[in-house]
Amino acid sequence: MYSIGTTIIGSLVWDTEPTWSDADIFHIYSKSPSDIMMGREYDTEEQKTGPMHLTSIEIGKLITQLKAGDFKSYLIVLSAYVVTTTPWFSSLRRILVSNATLAIVPSMLTYINTMATLAEETEDEALKVYRRRAAYRMAKFGTTYYNASTFSFELPPADLTAEQVTAAIDEFNTAVEAVKSNLESKFAVGMPNDLLDNWLITTRLNLIKIEDEILNTR
């Protein structure tokens, strides 16, 4: 196994971590080329120890999810909290930063609307506030991304009303529609699949070269 990078996503990125929630740490790794060729199976693994929730995700699966427009995978790579990095990880971040896209909108809206709905369905006030803030912060993130082409992890207000959350969602939808109607917009409709595929192939080939050099020194 080769480590590619480690990041933190979720509430900690926005400094809104409630005491009962987990720290969502994602370790991106590559299978050893020899393991791939031998057909050894191991993929996404999750470990939970106290407040820490560690998920390990293989680059093949990560790229597949990115190409599908999965916003969570997008945040895993672009998180403001990078714990460990490598040149491979840095190059993957550059691809996503340099290729703005609308492809993540459906995934974002699913998360935002789900959290907003669940917030109003619970009678637990602490959980209601947490879900409202989760929906709000993601909507604000999306609005800033599509209005200003920047990644902003804005701290949401401590006490949010349902109306404020709805307003933030409407603002996000307006920003998206403005991008779609702008013929000169730099935002692509799809993900940069060719670049992502090339990154995956290049990384695999680099690791084959590394393993070959290790074997030749024995």
C-alpha atoms as a PDB file:
ATOM      1  CA  MET A   1       0.000   0.000   0.000  1.00  0.00           C
ATOM      2  CA  TYR A   2       1.217   3.504  -0.869  1.00  0.00           C
ATOM      3  CA  SER A   3      -0.095   6.600   0.903  1.00  0.00           C
ATOM      4  CA  ILE A   4      -1.216   9.390  -1.437  1.00  0.00           C
ATOM      5  CA  GLY A   5      -2.643  11.922   1.013  1.00  0.00           C
ATOM      6  CA  THR A   6      -4.769  12.429   4.109  1.00  0.00           C
ATOM      7  CA  THR A   7      -7.403  15.105   4.687  1.00  0.00           C
ATOM      8  CA  ILE A   8     -10.176  16.020   7.103  1.00  0.00           C
ATOM      9  CA  ILE A   9     -13.687  16.885   5.956  1.00  0.00           C
ATOM     10  CA  GLY A  10     -16.971  17.528   7.742  1.00  0.00           C
ATOM     11  CA  SER A  11     -17.704  19.849  10.631  1.00  0.00           C
ATOM     12  CA  LEU A  12     -14.089  20.352  11.682  1.00  0.00           C
ATOM     13  CA  VAL A  13     -13.331  22.134   8.410  1.00  0.00           C
ATOM     14  CA  TRP A  14     -15.963  24.732   9.272  1.00  0.00           C
ATOM     15  CA  ASP A  15     -15.033  24.760  12.993  1.00  0.00           C
ATOM     16  CA  THR A  16     -18.539  23.639  13.894  1.00  0.00           C
ATOM     17  CA  GLU A  17     -17.742  20.256  15.401  1.00  0.00           C
ATOM     18  CA  PRO A  18     -20.271  19.332  18.111  1.00  0.00           C
ATOM     19  CA  THR A  19     -18.947  17.214  20.967  1.00  0.00           C
ATOM     20  CA  TRP A  20     -20.941  14.147  19.901  1.00  0.00           C
ATOM     21  CA  SER A  21     -19.854  14.111  16.261  1.00  0.00           C
ATOM     22  CA  ASP A  22     -16.907  12.393  14.601  1.00  0.00           C
ATOM     23  CA  ALA A  23     -13.734  13.799  13.106  1.00  0.00           C
ATOM     24  CA  ASP A  24     -13.941  12.564   9.507  1.00  0.00           C
ATOM     25  CA  ILE A  25     -10.418  11.704   8.401  1.00  0.00           C
ATOM     26  CA  PHE A  26      -9.838  10.317   4.895  1.00  0.00           C
ATOM     27  CA  HIS A  27      -6.681   8.469   3.935  1.00  0.00           C
ATOM     28  CA  ILE A  28      -6.190   8.205   0.178  1.00  0.00           C
ATOM     29  CA  TYR A  29      -3.959   5.327  -0.850  1.00  0.00           C
ATOM     30  CA  SER A  30      -2.952   3.183  -3.796  1.00  0.00           C
ATOM     31  CA  LYS A  31      -2.783  -0.558  -3.845  1.00  0.00           C
ATOM     32  CA  SER A  32       0.648  -1.965  -4.415  1.00  0.00           C
ATOM     33  CA  PRO A  33       1.068  -2.750  -8.141  1.00  0.00           C
ATOM     34  CA  SER A  34       2.077  -6.298  -7.190  1.00  0.00           C
ATOM     35  CA  ASP A  35      -1.147  -6.677  -5.185  1.00  0.00           C
ATOM     36  CA  ILE A  36      -3.163  -5.507  -8.175  1.00  0.00           C
ATOM     37  CA  MET A  37      -1.433  -7.969 -10.500  1.00  0.00           C
ATOM     38  CA  MET A  38      -1.859 -10.806  -8.009  1.00  0.00           C
ATOM     39  CA  GLY A  39      -5.553  -9.998  -7.618  1.00  0.00           C
ATOM     40  CA  ARG A  40      -5.363  -9.312  -3.895  1.00  0.00           C
ATOM     41  CA  GLU A  41      -8.565  -7.618  -2.778  1.00  0.00           C
ATOM     42  CA  TYR A  42      -8.724  -4.744  -0.304  1.00  0.00           C
ATOM     43  CA  ASP A  43     -10.610  -1.523  -0.737  1.00  0.00           C
ATOM     44  CA  THR A  44     -12.325   1.160   1.331  1.00  0.00           C
ATOM     45  CA  GLU A  45     -11.880   0.484   5.028  1.00  0.00           C
ATOM     46  CA  GLU A  46     -13.461   2.340   7.928  1.00  0.00           C
ATOM     47  CA  GLN A  47     -12.240   2.500  11.508  1.00  0.00           C
ATOM     48  CA  LYS A  48     -13.883   4.342  14.361  1.00  0.00           C
ATOM     49  CA  THR A  49     -11.959   5.047  17.555  1.00  0.00           C
ATOM     50  CA  GLY A  50     -13.623   7.445  19.971  1.00  0.00           C
ATOM     51  CA  PRO A  51     -14.234  10.776  18.229  1.00  0.00           C
ATOM     52  CA  MET A  52     -12.098   9.821  15.216  1.00  0.00           C
ATOM     53  CA  HIS A  53     -13.650   8.274  12.128  1.00  0.00           C
ATOM     54  CA  LEU A  54     -10.942   7.143   9.713  1.00  0.00           C
ATOM     55  CA  THR A  55     -11.808   6.001   6.206  1.00  0.00           C
ATOM     56  CA  SER A  56      -9.186   4.661   3.787  1.00  0.00           C
ATOM     57  CA  ILE A  57     -10.101   4.933   0.118  1.00  0.00           C
ATOM     58  CA  GLU A  58      -8.170   3.495  -2.838  1.00  0.00           C
ATOM     59  CA  ILE A  59      -7.378   5.865  -5.711  1.00  0.00           C
ATOM     60  CA  GLY A  60      -9.216   3.719  -8.253  1.00  0.00           C
ATOM     61  CA  LYS A  61     -12.461   4.083  -6.318  1.00  0.00           C
ATOM     62  CA  LEU A  62     -11.823   7.758  -5.587  1.00  0.00           C
ATOM     63  CA  ILE A  63     -11.363   8.582  -9.284  1.00  0.00           C
ATOM     64  CA  THR A  64     -14.515   6.631 -10.186  1.00  0.00           C
ATOM     65  CA  GLN A  65     -16.494   8.647  -7.637  1.00  0.00           C
ATOM     66  CA  LEU A  66     -14.996  11.941  -8.810  1.00  0.00           C
ATOM     67  CA  LYS A  67     -15.904  11.169 -12.420  1.00  0.00           C
ATOM     68  CA  ALA A  68     -19.473  10.533 -11.245  1.00  0.00           C
ATOM     69  CA  GLY A  69     -19.599  14.045  -9.758  1.00  0.00           C
ATOM     70  CA  ASP A  70     -19.627  12.909  -6.140  1.00  0.00           C
ATOM     71  CA  PHE A  71     -19.239  16.063  -4.065  1.00  0.00           C
ATOM     72  CA  LYS A  72     -17.978  14.254  -0.967  1.00  0.00           C
ATOM     73  CA  SER A  73     -15.058  12.880  -2.991  1.00  0.00           C
ATOM     74  CA  TYR A  74     -14.501  16.390  -4.342  1.00  0.00           C
ATOM     75  CA  LEU A  75     -14.214  17.727  -0.784  1.00  0.00           C
ATOM     76  CA  ILE A  76     -11.917  14.881   0.271  1.00  0.00           C
ATOM     77  CA  VAL A  77      -9.364  16.106  -2.248  1.00  0.00           C
ATOM     78  CA  LEU A  78      -9.969  19.861  -1.870  1.00  0.00           C
ATOM     79  CA  SER A  79     -10.327  20.020   1.909  1.00  0.00           C
ATOM     80  CA  ALA A  80      -8.710  22.983   3.631  1.00  0.00           C
ATOM     81  CA  TYR A  81      -7.312  20.534   6.191  1.00  0.00           C
ATOM     82  CA  VAL A  82      -4.520  18.518   4.567  1.00  0.00           C
ATOM     83  CA  VAL A  83      -2.824  16.236   7.092  1.00  0.00           C
ATOM     84  CA  THR A  84      -0.358  14.476   4.771  1.00  0.00           C
ATOM     85  CA  THR A  85       0.455  15.031   1.128  1.00  0.00           C
ATOM     86  CA  THR A  86       2.555  13.766  -1.773  1.00  0.00           C
ATOM     87  CA  PRO A  87       3.298  15.088  -5.277  1.00  0.00           C
ATOM     88  CA  TRP A  88       0.576  12.742  -6.575  1.00  0.00           C
ATOM     89  CA  PHE A  89      -1.990  14.237  -4.216  1.00  0.00           C
ATOM     90  CA  SER A  90      -0.952  17.790  -5.082  1.00  0.00           C
ATOM     91  CA  SER A  91      -1.323  17.111  -8.793  1.00  0.00           C
ATOM     92  CA  LEU A  92      -4.825  15.682  -8.268  1.00  0.00           C
ATOM     93  CA  ARG A  93      -5.824  18.820  -6.336  1.00  0.00           C
ATOM     94  CA  ARG A  94      -4.528  20.983  -9.174  1.00  0.00           C
ATOM     95  CA  ILE A  95      -6.695  19.130 -11.678  1.00  0.00           C
ATOM     96  CA  LEU A  96      -9.854  19.822  -9.671  1.00  0.00           C
ATOM     97  CA  VAL A  97      -8.944  23.436  -8.888  1.00  0.00           C
ATOM     98  CA  SER A  98      -8.089  24.183 -12.525  1.00  0.00           C
ATOM     99  CA  ASN A  99     -11.209  22.541 -13.973  1.00  0.00           C
ATOM    100  CA  ALA A 100     -14.300  24.150 -12.468  1.00  0.00           C
ATOM    101  CA  THR A 101     -17.433  22.109 -13.046  1.00  0.00           C
ATOM    102  CA  LEU A 102     -21.200  21.968 -12.650  1.00  0.00           C
ATOM    103  CA  ALA A 103     -21.090  18.186 -12.421  1.00  0.00           C
ATOM    104  CA  ILE A 104     -21.055  18.247  -8.603  1.00  0.00           C
ATOM    105  CA  VAL A 105     -24.299  20.268  -8.306  1.00  0.00           C
ATOM    106  CA  PRO A 106     -26.738  17.288  -8.157  1.00  0.00           C
ATOM    107  CA  SER A 107     -24.678  15.624  -5.422  1.00  0.00           C
ATOM    108  CA  MET A 108     -24.454  18.895  -3.481  1.00  0.00           C
ATOM    109  CA  LEU A 109     -28.188  19.551  -3.738  1.00  0.00           C
ATOM    110  CA  THR A 110     -29.015  16.048  -2.567  1.00  0.00           C
ATOM    111  CA  TYR A 111     -26.921  16.572   0.570  1.00  0.00           C
ATOM    112  CA  ILE A 112     -28.164  20.117   1.211  1.00  0.00           C
ATOM    113  CA  ASN A 113     -31.860  19.314   0.755  1.00  0.00           C
ATOM    114  CA  THR A 114     -31.615  16.106   2.769  1.00  0.00           C
ATOM    115  CA  MET A 115     -29.990  17.854   5.742  1.00  0.00           C
ATOM    116  CA  ALA A 116     -32.470  20.735   5.562  1.00  0.00           C
ATOM    117  CA  THR A 117     -35.418  18.348   5.524  1.00  0.00           C
ATOM    118  CA  LEU A 118     -34.083  16.149   8.313  1.00  0.00           C
ATOM    119  CA  ALA A 119     -33.432  19.230  10.450  1.00  0.00           C
ATOM    120  CA  GLU A 120     -37.118  20.078  10.511  1.00  0.00           C
ATOM    121  CA  GLU A 121     -38.196  16.494  11.151  1.00  0.00           C
ATOM    122  CA  THR A 122     -36.281  16.033  14.409  1.00  0.00           C
ATOM    123  CA  GLU A 123     -37.385  17.227  17.848  1.00  0.00           C
ATOM    124  CA  ASP A 124     -33.815  17.097  19.151  1.00  0.00           C
ATOM    125  CA  GLU A 125     -32.818  20.767  19.225  1.00  0.00           C
ATOM    126  CA  ALA A 126     -29.070  20.097  19.147  1.00  0.00           C
ATOM    127  CA  LEU A 127     -29.465  17.827  16.136  1.00  0.00           C
ATOM    128  CA  LYS A 128     -31.791  20.332  14.461  1.00  0.00           C
ATOM    129  CA  VAL A 129     -29.167  23.086  14.788  1.00  0.00           C
ATOM    130  CA  TYR A 130     -26.405  20.789  13.547  1.00  0.00           C
ATOM    131  CA  ARG A 131     -28.359  19.775  10.437  1.00  0.00           C
ATOM    132  CA  ARG A 132     -29.423  23.318   9.639  1.00  0.00           C
ATOM    133  CA  ARG A 133     -25.822  24.475   9.880  1.00  0.00           C
ATOM    134  CA  ALA A 134     -24.667  21.568   7.698  1.00  0.00           C
ATOM    135  CA  ALA A 135     -27.170  22.494   4.967  1.00  0.00           C
ATOM    136  CA  TYR A 136     -26.401  26.201   5.299  1.00  0.00           C
ATOM    137  CA  ARG A 137     -22.623  25.912   5.174  1.00  0.00           C
ATOM    138  CA  MET A 138     -22.718  23.675   2.095  1.00  0.00           C
ATOM    139  CA  ALA A 139     -25.131  26.010   0.310  1.00  0.00           C
ATOM    140  CA  LYS A 140     -22.867  28.960   1.113  1.00  0.00           C
ATOM    141  CA  PHE A 141     -19.836  27.003  -0.084  1.00  0.00           C
ATOM    142  CA  GLY A 142     -21.571  26.332  -3.387  1.00  0.00           C
ATOM    143  CA  THR A 143     -22.717  29.932  -3.786  1.00  0.00           C
ATOM    144  CA  THR A 144     -19.193  31.271  -3.293  1.00  0.00           C
ATOM    145  CA  TYR A 145     -17.758  28.642  -5.632  1.00  0.00           C
ATOM    146  CA  TYR A 146     -20.121  29.465  -8.485  1.00  0.00           C
ATOM    147  CA  ASN A 147     -20.166  33.237  -7.914  1.00  0.00           C
ATOM    148  CA  ALA A 148     -16.473  33.831  -7.264  1.00  0.00           C
ATOM    149  CA  SER A 149     -14.701  30.586  -8.274  1.00  0.00           C
ATOM    150  CA  THR A 150     -13.196  30.261  -4.803  1.00  0.00           C
ATOM    151  CA  PHE A 151     -13.358  27.632  -2.076  1.00  0.00           C
ATOM    152  CA  SER A 152     -14.694  29.217   1.110  1.00  0.00           C
ATOM    153  CA  PHE A 153     -15.314  27.253   4.301  1.00  0.00           C
ATOM    154  CA  GLU A 154     -17.538  29.875   5.916  1.00  0.00           C
ATOM    155  CA  LEU A 155     -18.449  29.470   9.586  1.00  0.00           C
ATOM    156  CA  PRO A 156     -22.270  29.328   9.769  1.00  0.00           C
ATOM    157  CA  PRO A 157     -24.169  31.290  12.432  1.00  0.00           C
ATOM    158  CA  ALA A 158     -24.653  29.483  15.736  1.00  0.00           C
ATOM    159  CA  ASP A 159     -28.442  29.804  15.644  1.00  0.00           C
ATOM    160  CA  LEU A 160     -30.112  29.390  12.287  1.00  0.00           C
ATOM    161  CA  THR A 161     -33.787  29.509  11.420  1.00  0.00           C
ATOM    162  CA  ALA A 162     -35.373  27.309   8.783  1.00  0.00           C
ATOM    163  CA  GLU A 163     -36.007  30.472   6.762  1.00  0.00           C
ATOM    164  CA  GLN A 164     -32.308  31.345   6.745  1.00  0.00           C
ATOM    165  CA  VAL A 165     -31.439  27.883   5.498  1.00  0.00           C
ATOM    166  CA  THR A 166     -34.051  28.129   2.746  1.00  0.00           C
ATOM    167  CA  ALA A 167     -32.683  31.531   1.727  1.00  0.00           C
ATOM    168  CA  ALA A 168     -29.144  30.108   1.525  1.00  0.00           C
ATOM    169  CA  ILE A 169     -30.374  27.238  -0.657  1.00  0.00           C
ATOM    170  CA  ASP A 170     -32.222  29.670  -2.948  1.00  0.00           C
ATOM    171  CA  GLU A 171     -29.043  31.751  -3.218  1.00  0.00           C
ATOM    172  CA  PHE A 172     -27.088  28.648  -4.207  1.00  0.00           C
ATOM    173  CA  ASN A 173     -29.635  27.688  -6.868  1.00  0.00           C
ATOM    174  CA  THR A 174     -29.548  31.236  -8.252  1.00  0.00           C
ATOM    175  CA  ALA A 175     -25.748  31.115  -8.522  1.00  0.00           C
ATOM    176  CA  VAL A 176     -25.911  27.792 -10.368  1.00  0.00           C
ATOM    177  CA  GLU A 177     -28.558  29.040 -12.809  1.00  0.00           C
ATOM    178  CA  ALA A 178     -26.481  32.160 -13.497  1.00  0.00           C
ATOM    179  CA  VAL A 179     -23.519  29.976 -14.447  1.00  0.00           C
ATOM    180  CA  LYS A 180     -25.657  27.775 -16.681  1.00  0.00           C
ATOM    181  CA  SER A 181     -27.063  30.784 -18.548  1.00  0.00           C
ATOM    182  CA  ASN A 182     -23.648  32.401 -19.030  1.00  0.00           C
ATOM    183  CA  LEU A 183     -22.324  31.278 -22.407  1.00  0.00           C
ATOM    184  CA  GLU A 184     -18.835  32.490 -21.475  1.00  0.00           C
ATOM    185  CA  SER A 185     -18.741  30.690 -18.152  1.00  0.00           C
ATOM    186  CA  LYS A 186     -15.552  28.773 -17.396  1.00  0.00           C
ATOM    187  CA  PHE A 187     -17.522  26.080 -15.576  1.00  0.00           C
ATOM    188  CA  ALA A 188     -17.712  22.847 -17.548  1.00  0.00           C
ATOM    189  CA  VAL A 189     -20.827  20.693 -17.584  1.00  0.00           C
ATOM    190  CA  GLY A 190     -18.950  17.483 -16.807  1.00  0.00           C
ATOM    191  CA  MET A 191     -15.909  16.376 -14.869  1.00  0.00           C
ATOM    192  CA  PRO A 192     -12.433  16.427 -16.477  1.00  0.00           C
ATOM    193  CA  ASN A 193     -12.564  12.669 -16.981  1.00  0.00           C
ATOM    194  CA  ASP A 194      -9.617  12.456 -19.388  1.00  0.00           C
ATOM    195  CA  LEU A 195      -7.356  14.302 -16.940  1.00  0.00           C
ATOM    196  CA  LEU A 196      -8.531  12.155 -14.034  1.00  0.00           C
ATOM    197  CA  ASP A 197      -7.962   8.957 -15.998  1.00  0.00           C
ATOM    198  CA  ASN A 198      -4.526  10.147 -17.029  1.00  0.00           C
ATOM    199  CA  TRP A 199      -3.672  10.998 -13.414  1.00  0.00           C
ATOM    200  CA  LEU A 200      -4.692   7.512 -12.296  1.00  0.00           C
ATOM    201  CA  ILE A 201      -2.695   5.776 -15.055  1.00  0.00           C
ATOM    202  CA  THR A 202       0.368   7.957 -14.467  1.00  0.00           C
ATOM    203  CA  THR A 203       0.267   7.350 -10.712  1.00  0.00           C
ATOM    204  CA  ARG A 204      -0.041   3.593 -11.195  1.00  0.00           C
ATOM    205  CA  LEU A 205       2.896   3.580 -13.636  1.00  0.00           C
ATOM    206  CA  ASN A 206       5.024   5.631 -11.237  1.00  0.00           C
ATOM    207  CA  LEU A 207       4.348   3.132  -8.467  1.00  0.00           C
ATOM    208  CA  ILE A 208       5.239   0.217 -10.756  1.00  0.00           C
ATOM    209  CA  LYS A 209       8.568   1.930 -11.431  1.00  0.00           C
ATOM    210  CA  ILE A 210       9.144   2.442  -7.700  1.00  0.00           C
ATOM    211  CA  GLU A 211       8.419  -1.210  -6.901  1.00  0.00           C
ATOM    212  CA  ASP A 212      10.619  -2.349  -9.760  1.00  0.00           C
ATOM    213  CA  GLU A 213      13.526  -0.283  -8.418  1.00  0.00           C
ATOM    214  CA  ILE A 214      12.990  -1.714  -4.936  1.00  0.00           C
ATOM    215  CA  LEU A 215      12.997  -5.275  -6.262  1.00  0.00           C
ATOM    216  CA  ASN A 216      16.172  -4.642  -8.275  1.00  0.00           C
ATOM    217  CA  THR A 217      18.046  -3.471  -5.187  1.00  0.00           C
ATOM    218  CA  ARG A 218      17.400  -6.668  -3.239  1.00  0.00           C
END
